[in-house]
């Protein structure tokens, strides 16, 4: 399991806002990595979309999504709507346990 520093690095590789905006897409087990990458903004290069998808999927695979959302919810540099959405997803994850 990655350390907190590794989680922050993974999260920064995805982008905090991208992680929240595409949270359900990254979490969808029925979508392939290629399908997820295709749903990310076209202004990202193909390589960037694949990299972001891979890093986000690793966060989910290793059971770190709630921790990632906690880090995002404490960020002071993000849009308040993104932070509120991160808190909502974190609450949803907590209720699912």
PDB file of N, CA and C in Angstrom:
ATOM      1  N   UNK A   1       0.848  -1.179   0.000  1.00  0.00           N
ATOM      2  CA  UNK A   1       0.000   0.000   0.000  1.00  0.00           C
ATOM      3  C   UNK A   1       0.892   1.241   0.000  1.00  0.00           C
ATOM      4  N   UNK A   2       0.570   2.215  -0.863  1.00  0.00           N
ATOM      5  CA  UNK A   2       1.396   3.418  -0.947  1.00  0.00           C
ATOM      6  C   UNK A   2       1.323   4.260   0.325  1.00  0.00           C
ATOM      7  N   UNK A   3       2.383   5.010   0.552  1.00  0.00           N
ATOM      8  CA  UNK A   3       2.392   5.951   1.668  1.00  0.00           C
ATOM      9  C   UNK A   3       1.552   7.165   1.291  1.00  0.00           C
ATOM     10  N   UNK A   4       1.380   8.062   2.254  1.00  0.00           N
ATOM     11  CA  UNK A   4       0.629   9.301   1.982  1.00  0.00           C
ATOM     12  C   UNK A   4       1.283  10.107   0.866  1.00  0.00           C
ATOM     13  N   UNK A   5       2.615  10.095   0.848  1.00  0.00           N
ATOM     14  CA  UNK A   5       3.344  10.831  -0.185  1.00  0.00           C
ATOM     15  C   UNK A   5       3.045  10.219  -1.549  1.00  0.00           C
ATOM     16  N   UNK A   6       3.018   8.882  -1.622  1.00  0.00           N
ATOM     17  CA  UNK A   6       2.699   8.215  -2.882  1.00  0.00           C
ATOM     18  C   UNK A   6       1.275   8.531  -3.318  1.00  0.00           C
ATOM     19  N   UNK A   7       0.335   8.562  -2.383  1.00  0.00           N
ATOM     20  CA  UNK A   7      -1.051   8.880  -2.718  1.00  0.00           C
ATOM     21  C   UNK A   7      -1.151  10.296  -3.266  1.00  0.00           C
ATOM     22  N   UNK A   8      -0.461  11.231  -2.651  1.00  0.00           N
ATOM     23  CA  UNK A   8      -0.477  12.619  -3.140  1.00  0.00           C
ATOM     24  C   UNK A   8       0.108  12.674  -4.548  1.00  0.00           C
ATOM     25  N   UNK A   9       1.172  11.929  -4.789  1.00  0.00           N
ATOM     26  CA  UNK A   9       1.777  11.899  -6.121  1.00  0.00           C
ATOM     27  C   UNK A   9       0.803  11.316  -7.137  1.00  0.00           C
ATOM     28  N   UNK A  10       0.144  10.206  -6.777  1.00  0.00           N
ATOM     29  CA  UNK A  10      -0.857   9.613  -7.665  1.00  0.00           C
ATOM     30  C   UNK A  10      -1.977  10.604  -7.956  1.00  0.00           C
ATOM     31  N   UNK A  11      -2.455  11.239  -6.909  1.00  0.00           N
ATOM     32  CA  UNK A  11      -3.553  12.193  -7.040  1.00  0.00           C
ATOM     33  C   UNK A  11      -3.150  13.392  -7.906  1.00  0.00           C
ATOM     34  N   UNK A  12      -1.939  13.865  -7.725  1.00  0.00           N
ATOM     35  CA  UNK A  12      -1.459  14.973  -8.550  1.00  0.00           C
ATOM     36  C   UNK A  12      -1.279  14.552 -10.008  1.00  0.00           C
ATOM     37  N   UNK A  13      -0.968  13.279 -10.223  1.00  0.00           N
ATOM     38  CA  UNK A  13      -0.831  12.774 -11.595  1.00  0.00           C
ATOM     39  C   UNK A  13      -2.180  12.740 -12.310  1.00  0.00           C
ATOM     40  N   UNK A  14      -3.229  12.495 -11.554  1.00  0.00           N
ATOM     41  CA  UNK A  14      -4.580  12.496 -12.118  1.00  0.00           C
ATOM     42  C   UNK A  14      -5.078  13.928 -12.244  1.00  0.00           C
ATOM     43  N   UNK A  15      -4.830  14.714 -11.213  1.00  0.00           N
ATOM     44  CA  UNK A  15      -5.394  16.056 -11.086  1.00  0.00           C
ATOM     45  C   UNK A  15      -6.570  15.954 -10.133  1.00  0.00           C
ATOM     46  N   UNK A  16      -6.536  16.748  -9.082  1.00  0.00           N
ATOM     47  CA  UNK A  16      -7.586  16.653  -8.062  1.00  0.00           C
ATOM     48  C   UNK A  16      -8.967  16.935  -8.642  1.00  0.00           C
ATOM     49  N   UNK A  17      -9.068  17.982  -9.437  1.00  0.00           N
ATOM     50  CA  UNK A  17     -10.371  18.317 -10.011  1.00  0.00           C
ATOM     51  C   UNK A  17     -10.839  17.236 -10.983  1.00  0.00           C
ATOM     52  N   UNK A  18      -9.921  16.698 -11.767  1.00  0.00           N
ATOM     53  CA  UNK A  18     -10.266  15.620 -12.702  1.00  0.00           C
ATOM     54  C   UNK A  18     -10.721  14.387 -11.925  1.00  0.00           C
ATOM     55  N   UNK A  19     -10.046  14.076 -10.823  1.00  0.00           N
ATOM     56  CA  UNK A  19     -10.415  12.911 -10.016  1.00  0.00           C
ATOM     57  C   UNK A  19     -11.854  13.033  -9.525  1.00  0.00           C
ATOM     58  N   UNK A  20     -12.224  14.213  -9.070  1.00  0.00           N
ATOM     59  CA  UNK A  20     -13.583  14.421  -8.556  1.00  0.00           C
ATOM     60  C   UNK A  20     -14.597  14.466  -9.709  1.00  0.00           C
ATOM     61  N   UNK A  21     -14.284  15.207 -10.742  1.00  0.00           N
ATOM     62  CA  UNK A  21     -15.210  15.372 -11.862  1.00  0.00           C
ATOM     63  C   UNK A  21     -15.538  14.032 -12.521  1.00  0.00           C
ATOM     64  N   UNK A  22     -14.559  13.157 -12.630  1.00  0.00           N
ATOM     65  CA  UNK A  22     -14.740  11.870 -13.303  1.00  0.00           C
ATOM     66  C   UNK A  22     -14.724  10.698 -12.315  1.00  0.00           C
ATOM     67  N   UNK A  23     -15.049  10.985 -11.061  1.00  0.00           N
ATOM     68  CA  UNK A  23     -14.993   9.981  -9.995  1.00  0.00           C
ATOM     69  C   UNK A  23     -15.777   8.717 -10.362  1.00  0.00           C
ATOM     70  N   UNK A  24     -17.028   8.879 -10.750  1.00  0.00           N
ATOM     71  CA  UNK A  24     -17.855   7.711 -11.078  1.00  0.00           C
ATOM     72  C   UNK A  24     -17.334   6.974 -12.304  1.00  0.00           C
ATOM     73  N   UNK A  25     -16.783   7.696 -13.242  1.00  0.00           N
ATOM     74  CA  UNK A  25     -16.212   7.068 -14.437  1.00  0.00           C
ATOM     75  C   UNK A  25     -14.995   6.235 -14.070  1.00  0.00           C
ATOM     76  N   UNK A  26     -14.098   6.804 -13.274  1.00  0.00           N
ATOM     77  CA  UNK A  26     -12.908   6.058 -12.848  1.00  0.00           C
ATOM     78  C   UNK A  26     -13.296   4.837 -12.011  1.00  0.00           C
ATOM     79  N   UNK A  27     -14.355   4.955 -11.234  1.00  0.00           N
ATOM     80  CA  UNK A  27     -14.772   3.881 -10.337  1.00  0.00           C
ATOM     81  C   UNK A  27     -15.546   2.777 -11.044  1.00  0.00           C
ATOM     82  N   UNK A  28     -16.024   3.029 -12.250  1.00  0.00           N
ATOM     83  CA  UNK A  28     -16.890   2.070 -12.947  1.00  0.00           C
ATOM     84  C   UNK A  28     -16.130   0.804 -13.343  1.00  0.00           C
ATOM     85  N   UNK A  29     -16.455  -0.329 -12.717  1.00  0.00           N
ATOM     86  CA  UNK A  29     -15.726  -1.567 -13.018  1.00  0.00           C
ATOM     87  C   UNK A  29     -16.058  -2.139 -14.403  1.00  0.00           C
ATOM     88  N   UNK A  30     -17.155  -1.704 -14.985  1.00  0.00           N
ATOM     89  CA  UNK A  30     -17.552  -2.251 -16.291  1.00  0.00           C
ATOM     90  C   UNK A  30     -16.871  -1.548 -17.452  1.00  0.00           C
ATOM     91  N   UNK A  31     -16.208  -0.439 -17.187  1.00  0.00           N
ATOM     92  CA  UNK A  31     -15.516   0.300 -18.241  1.00  0.00           C
ATOM     93  C   UNK A  31     -14.053  -0.112 -18.304  1.00  0.00           C
ATOM     94  N   UNK A  32     -13.546  -0.293 -19.507  1.00  0.00           N
ATOM     95  CA  UNK A  32     -12.115  -0.568 -19.684  1.00  0.00           C
ATOM     96  C   UNK A  32     -11.348   0.741 -19.518  1.00  0.00           C
ATOM     97  N   UNK A  33     -10.049   0.637 -19.345  1.00  0.00           N
ATOM     98  CA  UNK A  33      -9.229   1.841 -19.237  1.00  0.00           C
ATOM     99  C   UNK A  33      -9.345   2.690 -20.499  1.00  0.00           C
ATOM    100  N   UNK A  34      -9.454   2.047 -21.652  1.00  0.00           N
ATOM    101  CA  UNK A  34      -9.590   2.779 -22.906  1.00  0.00           C
ATOM    102  C   UNK A  34     -10.911   3.549 -22.939  1.00  0.00           C
ATOM    103  N   UNK A  35     -11.985   2.930 -22.457  1.00  0.00           N
ATOM    104  CA  UNK A  35     -13.282   3.605 -22.428  1.00  0.00           C
ATOM    105  C   UNK A  35     -13.265   4.794 -21.467  1.00  0.00           C
ATOM    106  N   UNK A  36     -12.605   4.612 -20.328  1.00  0.00           N
ATOM    107  CA  UNK A  36     -12.502   5.712 -19.364  1.00  0.00           C
ATOM    108  C   UNK A  36     -11.687   6.847 -19.967  1.00  0.00           C
ATOM    109  N   UNK A  37     -10.546   6.517 -20.541  1.00  0.00           N
ATOM    110  CA  UNK A  37      -9.675   7.544 -21.130  1.00  0.00           C
ATOM    111  C   UNK A  37     -10.408   8.327 -22.218  1.00  0.00           C
ATOM    112  N   UNK A  38     -11.253   7.651 -22.975  1.00  0.00           N
ATOM    113  CA  UNK A  38     -11.995   8.315 -24.051  1.00  0.00           C
ATOM    114  C   UNK A  38     -13.007   9.319 -23.515  1.00  0.00           C
ATOM    115  N   UNK A  39     -13.417   9.183 -22.262  1.00  0.00           N
ATOM    116  CA  UNK A  39     -14.394  10.095 -21.664  1.00  0.00           C
ATOM    117  C   UNK A  39     -13.750  11.337 -21.049  1.00  0.00           C
ATOM    118  N   UNK A  40     -12.436  11.353 -20.932  1.00  0.00           N
ATOM    119  CA  UNK A  40     -11.745  12.530 -20.401  1.00  0.00           C
ATOM    120  C   UNK A  40     -11.695  13.616 -21.473  1.00  0.00           C
ATOM    121  N   UNK A  41     -11.474  14.865 -21.066  1.00  0.00           N
ATOM    122  CA  UNK A  41     -11.504  15.971 -22.025  1.00  0.00           C
ATOM    123  C   UNK A  41     -10.542  15.780 -23.199  1.00  0.00           C
ATOM    124  N   UNK A  42     -11.009  16.149 -24.366  1.00  0.00           N
ATOM    125  CA  UNK A  42     -10.216  16.012 -25.588  1.00  0.00           C
ATOM    126  C   UNK A  42      -9.002  16.932 -25.600  1.00  0.00           C
ATOM    127  N   UNK A  43      -8.999  17.969 -24.756  1.00  0.00           N
ATOM    128  CA  UNK A  43      -7.827  18.840 -24.737  1.00  0.00           C
ATOM    129  C   UNK A  43      -6.635  18.205 -24.031  1.00  0.00           C
ATOM    130  N   UNK A  44      -6.827  17.058 -23.377  1.00  0.00           N
ATOM    131  CA  UNK A  44      -5.698  16.270 -22.875  1.00  0.00           C
ATOM    132  C   UNK A  44      -5.216  15.397 -24.035  1.00  0.00           C
ATOM    133  N   UNK A  45      -3.921  15.188 -24.100  1.00  0.00           N
ATOM    134  CA  UNK A  45      -3.402  14.282 -25.129  1.00  0.00           C
ATOM    135  C   UNK A  45      -3.831  12.854 -24.802  1.00  0.00           C
ATOM    136  N   UNK A  46      -3.756  11.976 -25.774  1.00  0.00           N
ATOM    137  CA  UNK A  46      -4.088  10.574 -25.544  1.00  0.00           C
ATOM    138  C   UNK A  46      -3.223   9.982 -24.447  1.00  0.00           C
ATOM    139  N   UNK A  47      -1.947  10.318 -24.456  1.00  0.00           N
ATOM    140  CA  UNK A  47      -1.029   9.810 -23.437  1.00  0.00           C
ATOM    141  C   UNK A  47      -1.425  10.322 -22.052  1.00  0.00           C
ATOM    142  N   UNK A  48      -1.801  11.582 -21.967  1.00  0.00           N
ATOM    143  CA  UNK A  48      -2.221  12.171 -20.694  1.00  0.00           C
ATOM    144  C   UNK A  48      -3.493  11.498 -20.188  1.00  0.00           C
ATOM    145  N   UNK A  49      -4.461  11.264 -21.075  1.00  0.00           N
ATOM    146  CA  UNK A  49      -5.701  10.611 -20.666  1.00  0.00           C
ATOM    147  C   UNK A  49      -5.437   9.192 -20.161  1.00  0.00           C
ATOM    148  N   UNK A  50      -4.565   8.464 -20.847  1.00  0.00           N
ATOM    149  CA  UNK A  50      -4.236   7.094 -20.405  1.00  0.00           C
ATOM    150  C   UNK A  50      -3.509   7.115 -19.062  1.00  0.00           C
ATOM    151  N   UNK A  51      -2.597   8.053 -18.880  1.00  0.00           N
ATOM    152  CA  UNK A  51      -1.849   8.167 -17.636  1.00  0.00           C
ATOM    153  C   UNK A  51      -2.775   8.524 -16.468  1.00  0.00           C
ATOM    154  N   UNK A  52      -3.632   9.512 -16.664  1.00  0.00           N
ATOM    155  CA  UNK A  52      -4.572   9.912 -15.624  1.00  0.00           C
ATOM    156  C   UNK A  52      -5.491   8.758 -15.249  1.00  0.00           C
ATOM    157  N   UNK A  53      -5.956   8.030 -16.255  1.00  0.00           N
ATOM    158  CA  UNK A  53      -6.836   6.885 -16.017  1.00  0.00           C
ATOM    159  C   UNK A  53      -6.111   5.817 -15.217  1.00  0.00           C
ATOM    160  N   UNK A  54      -4.904   5.503 -15.607  1.00  0.00           N
ATOM    161  CA  UNK A  54      -4.124   4.477 -14.917  1.00  0.00           C
ATOM    162  C   UNK A  54      -3.880   4.846 -13.456  1.00  0.00           C
ATOM    163  N   UNK A  55      -3.505   6.088 -13.211  1.00  0.00           N
ATOM    164  CA  UNK A  55      -3.243   6.522 -11.834  1.00  0.00           C
ATOM    165  C   UNK A  55      -4.526   6.544 -10.998  1.00  0.00           C
ATOM    166  N   UNK A  56      -5.615   7.018 -11.589  1.00  0.00           N
ATOM    167  CA  UNK A  56      -6.887   7.050 -10.852  1.00  0.00           C
ATOM    168  C   UNK A  56      -7.357   5.631 -10.535  1.00  0.00           C
ATOM    169  N   UNK A  57      -7.240   4.742 -11.505  1.00  0.00           N
ATOM    170  CA  UNK A  57      -7.662   3.364 -11.281  1.00  0.00           C
ATOM    171  C   UNK A  57      -6.814   2.698 -10.198  1.00  0.00           C
ATOM    172  N   UNK A  58      -5.541   3.059 -10.123  1.00  0.00           N
ATOM    173  CA  UNK A  58      -4.689   2.509  -9.065  1.00  0.00           C
ATOM    174  C   UNK A  58      -5.173   2.965  -7.694  1.00  0.00           C
ATOM    175  N   UNK A  59      -5.588   4.220  -7.588  1.00  0.00           N
ATOM    176  CA  UNK A  59      -6.121   4.728  -6.321  1.00  0.00           C
ATOM    177  C   UNK A  59      -7.323   3.888  -5.894  1.00  0.00           C
ATOM    178  N   UNK A  60      -8.211   3.585  -6.818  1.00  0.00           N
ATOM    179  CA  UNK A  60      -9.378   2.756  -6.497  1.00  0.00           C
ATOM    180  C   UNK A  60      -8.970   1.321  -6.193  1.00  0.00           C
ATOM    181  N   UNK A  61      -8.098   0.774  -7.011  1.00  0.00           N
ATOM    182  CA  UNK A  61      -7.668  -0.624  -6.844  1.00  0.00           C
ATOM    183  C   UNK A  61      -7.043  -0.861  -5.471  1.00  0.00           C
ATOM    184  N   UNK A  62      -6.323   0.127  -4.980  1.00  0.00           N
ATOM    185  CA  UNK A  62      -5.637  -0.019  -3.696  1.00  0.00           C
ATOM    186  C   UNK A  62      -6.488   0.463  -2.524  1.00  0.00           C
ATOM    187  N   UNK A  63      -7.750   0.774  -2.780  1.00  0.00           N
ATOM    188  CA  UNK A  63      -8.666   1.150  -1.708  1.00  0.00           C
ATOM    189  C   UNK A  63      -8.382   2.505  -1.090  1.00  0.00           C
ATOM    190  N   UNK A  64      -7.862   3.425  -1.881  1.00  0.00           N
ATOM    191  CA  UNK A  64      -7.444   4.726  -1.359  1.00  0.00           C
ATOM    192  C   UNK A  64      -8.342   5.884  -1.794  1.00  0.00           C
ATOM    193  N   UNK A  65      -9.476   5.565  -2.392  1.00  0.00           N
ATOM    194  CA  UNK A  65     -10.348   6.628  -2.899  1.00  0.00           C
ATOM    195  C   UNK A  65     -10.826   7.548  -1.780  1.00  0.00           C
ATOM    196  N   UNK A  66     -11.230   6.985  -0.647  1.00  0.00           N
ATOM    197  CA  UNK A  66     -11.707   7.820   0.466  1.00  0.00           C
ATOM    198  C   UNK A  66     -10.589   8.725   0.979  1.00  0.00           C
ATOM    199  N   UNK A  67      -9.381   8.189   1.079  1.00  0.00           N
ATOM    200  CA  UNK A  67      -8.244   9.000   1.527  1.00  0.00           C
ATOM    201  C   UNK A  67      -7.950  10.116   0.515  1.00  0.00           C
ATOM    202  N   UNK A  68      -8.051   9.794  -0.770  1.00  0.00           N
ATOM    203  CA  UNK A  68      -7.824  10.805  -1.809  1.00  0.00           C
ATOM    204  C   UNK A  68      -8.864  11.913  -1.707  1.00  0.00           C
ATOM    205  N   UNK A  69     -10.116  11.528  -1.497  1.00  0.00           N
ATOM    206  CA  UNK A  69     -11.180  12.529  -1.359  1.00  0.00           C
ATOM    207  C   UNK A  69     -10.980  13.397  -0.118  1.00  0.00           C
ATOM    208  N   UNK A  70     -10.445  12.805   0.937  1.00  0.00           N
ATOM    209  CA  UNK A  70     -10.146  13.579   2.153  1.00  0.00           C
ATOM    210  C   UNK A  70      -9.082  14.636   1.861  1.00  0.00           C
ATOM    211  N   UNK A  71      -8.044  14.243   1.138  1.00  0.00           N
ATOM    212  CA  UNK A  71      -6.989  15.188   0.763  1.00  0.00           C
ATOM    213  C   UNK A  71      -7.582  16.321  -0.078  1.00  0.00           C
ATOM    214  N   UNK A  72      -8.424  15.961  -1.022  1.00  0.00           N
ATOM    215  CA  UNK A  72      -9.048  16.963  -1.896  1.00  0.00           C
ATOM    216  C   UNK A  72      -9.948  17.898  -1.099  1.00  0.00           C
ATOM    217  N   UNK A  73     -10.706  17.341  -0.166  1.00  0.00           N
ATOM    218  CA  UNK A  73     -11.645  18.170   0.604  1.00  0.00           C
ATOM    219  C   UNK A  73     -10.927  19.165   1.513  1.00  0.00           C
ATOM    220  N   UNK A  74      -9.669  18.927   1.802  1.00  0.00           N
ATOM    221  CA  UNK A  74      -8.885  19.841   2.641  1.00  0.00           C
ATOM    222  C   UNK A  74      -8.076  20.840   1.822  1.00  0.00           C
ATOM    223  N   UNK A  75      -8.167  20.747   0.507  1.00  0.00           N
ATOM    224  CA  UNK A  75      -7.408  21.636  -0.365  1.00  0.00           C
ATOM    225  C   UNK A  75      -7.993  23.041  -0.335  1.00  0.00           C
ATOM    226  N   UNK A  76      -7.123  24.028  -0.266  1.00  0.00           N
ATOM    227  CA  UNK A  76      -7.584  25.418  -0.235  1.00  0.00           C
ATOM    228  C   UNK A  76      -7.493  26.067  -1.615  1.00  0.00           C
ATOM    229  N   UNK A  77      -6.964  25.336  -2.600  1.00  0.00           N
ATOM    230  CA  UNK A  77      -6.731  25.942  -3.910  1.00  0.00           C
ATOM    231  C   UNK A  77      -7.737  25.495  -4.963  1.00  0.00           C
ATOM    232  N   UNK A  78      -8.691  24.685  -4.576  1.00  0.00           N
ATOM    233  CA  UNK A  78      -9.680  24.195  -5.535  1.00  0.00           C
ATOM    234  C   UNK A  78     -10.971  24.989  -5.447  1.00  0.00           C
ATOM    235  N   UNK A  79     -11.731  24.934  -6.507  1.00  0.00           N
ATOM    236  CA  UNK A  79     -13.054  25.547  -6.544  1.00  0.00           C
ATOM    237  C   UNK A  79     -13.905  24.938  -5.423  1.00  0.00           C
ATOM    238  N   UNK A  80     -14.619  25.760  -4.676  1.00  0.00           N
ATOM    239  CA  UNK A  80     -15.459  25.239  -3.589  1.00  0.00           C
ATOM    240  C   UNK A  80     -16.468  24.179  -4.042  1.00  0.00           C
ATOM    241  N   UNK A  81     -16.928  24.253  -5.281  1.00  0.00           N
ATOM    242  CA  UNK A  81     -17.864  23.248  -5.794  1.00  0.00           C
ATOM    243  C   UNK A  81     -17.192  21.886  -5.909  1.00  0.00           C
ATOM    244  N   UNK A  82     -15.925  21.881  -6.296  1.00  0.00           N
ATOM    245  CA  UNK A  82     -15.167  20.631  -6.400  1.00  0.00           C
ATOM    246  C   UNK A  82     -14.966  20.041  -5.010  1.00  0.00           C
ATOM    247  N   UNK A  83     -14.637  20.883  -4.049  1.00  0.00           N
ATOM    248  CA  UNK A  83     -14.433  20.429  -2.674  1.00  0.00           C
ATOM    249  C   UNK A  83     -15.727  19.856  -2.107  1.00  0.00           C
ATOM    250  N   UNK A  84     -16.843  20.529  -2.353  1.00  0.00           N
ATOM    251  CA  UNK A  84     -18.134  20.034  -1.873  1.00  0.00           C
ATOM    252  C   UNK A  84     -18.485  18.691  -2.517  1.00  0.00           C
ATOM    253  N   UNK A  85     -18.199  18.554  -3.775  1.00  0.00           N
ATOM    254  CA  UNK A  85     -18.452  17.296  -4.476  1.00  0.00           C
ATOM    255  C   UNK A  85     -17.573  16.180  -3.905  1.00  0.00           C
ATOM    256  N   UNK A  86     -16.322  16.498  -3.589  1.00  0.00           N
ATOM    257  CA  UNK A  86     -15.419  15.509  -2.978  1.00  0.00           C
ATOM    258  C   UNK A  86     -15.971  15.057  -1.631  1.00  0.00           C
ATOM    259  N   UNK A  87     -16.481  15.983  -0.850  1.00  0.00           N
ATOM    260  CA  UNK A  87     -17.078  15.630   0.449  1.00  0.00           C
ATOM    261  C   UNK A  87     -18.307  14.745   0.269  1.00  0.00           C
ATOM    262  N   UNK A  88     -19.106  15.031  -0.754  1.00  0.00           N
ATOM    263  CA  UNK A  88     -20.290  14.224  -1.030  1.00  0.00           C
ATOM    264  C   UNK A  88     -19.891  12.791  -1.394  1.00  0.00           C
ATOM    265  N   UNK A  89     -18.898  12.654  -2.273  1.00  0.00           N
ATOM    266  CA  UNK A  89     -18.429  11.316  -2.645  1.00  0.00           C
ATOM    267  C   UNK A  89     -17.846  10.583  -1.442  1.00  0.00           C
ATOM    268  N   UNK A  90     -17.128  11.301  -0.589  1.00  0.00           N
ATOM    269  CA  UNK A  90     -16.540  10.667   0.597  1.00  0.00           C
ATOM    270  C   UNK A  90     -17.637  10.166   1.529  1.00  0.00           C
ATOM    271  N   UNK A  91     -18.674  10.949   1.713  1.00  0.00           N
ATOM    272  CA  UNK A  91     -19.819  10.538   2.536  1.00  0.00           C
ATOM    273  C   UNK A  91     -20.483   9.309   1.924  1.00  0.00           C
ATOM    274  N   UNK A  92     -20.638   9.334   0.618  1.00  0.00           N
ATOM    275  CA  UNK A  92     -21.245   8.190  -0.078  1.00  0.00           C
ATOM    276  C   UNK A  92     -20.425   6.916   0.122  1.00  0.00           C
ATOM    277  N   UNK A  93     -19.097   7.050   0.035  1.00  0.00           N
ATOM    278  CA  UNK A  93     -18.228   5.886   0.256  1.00  0.00           C
ATOM    279  C   UNK A  93     -18.350   5.373   1.692  1.00  0.00           C
ATOM    280  N   UNK A  94     -18.395   6.291   2.632  1.00  0.00           N
ATOM    281  CA  UNK A  94     -18.497   5.906   4.054  1.00  0.00           C
ATOM    282  C   UNK A  94     -19.809   5.177   4.319  1.00  0.00           C
ATOM    283  N   UNK A  95     -20.883   5.605   3.679  1.00  0.00           N
ATOM    284  CA  UNK A  95     -22.197   4.973   3.883  1.00  0.00           C
ATOM    285  C   UNK A  95     -22.239   3.581   3.237  1.00  0.00           C
ATOM    286  N   UNK A  96     -21.430   3.369   2.189  1.00  0.00           N
ATOM    287  CA  UNK A  96     -21.425   2.089   1.497  1.00  0.00           C
ATOM    288  C   UNK A  96     -20.668   1.006   2.260  1.00  0.00           C
ATOM    289  N   UNK A  97     -19.919   1.402   3.268  1.00  0.00           N
ATOM    290  CA  UNK A  97     -19.114   0.420   4.013  1.00  0.00           C
ATOM    291  C   UNK A  97     -19.931  -0.320   5.014  1.00  0.00           C
TER     292      UNK A  97
END
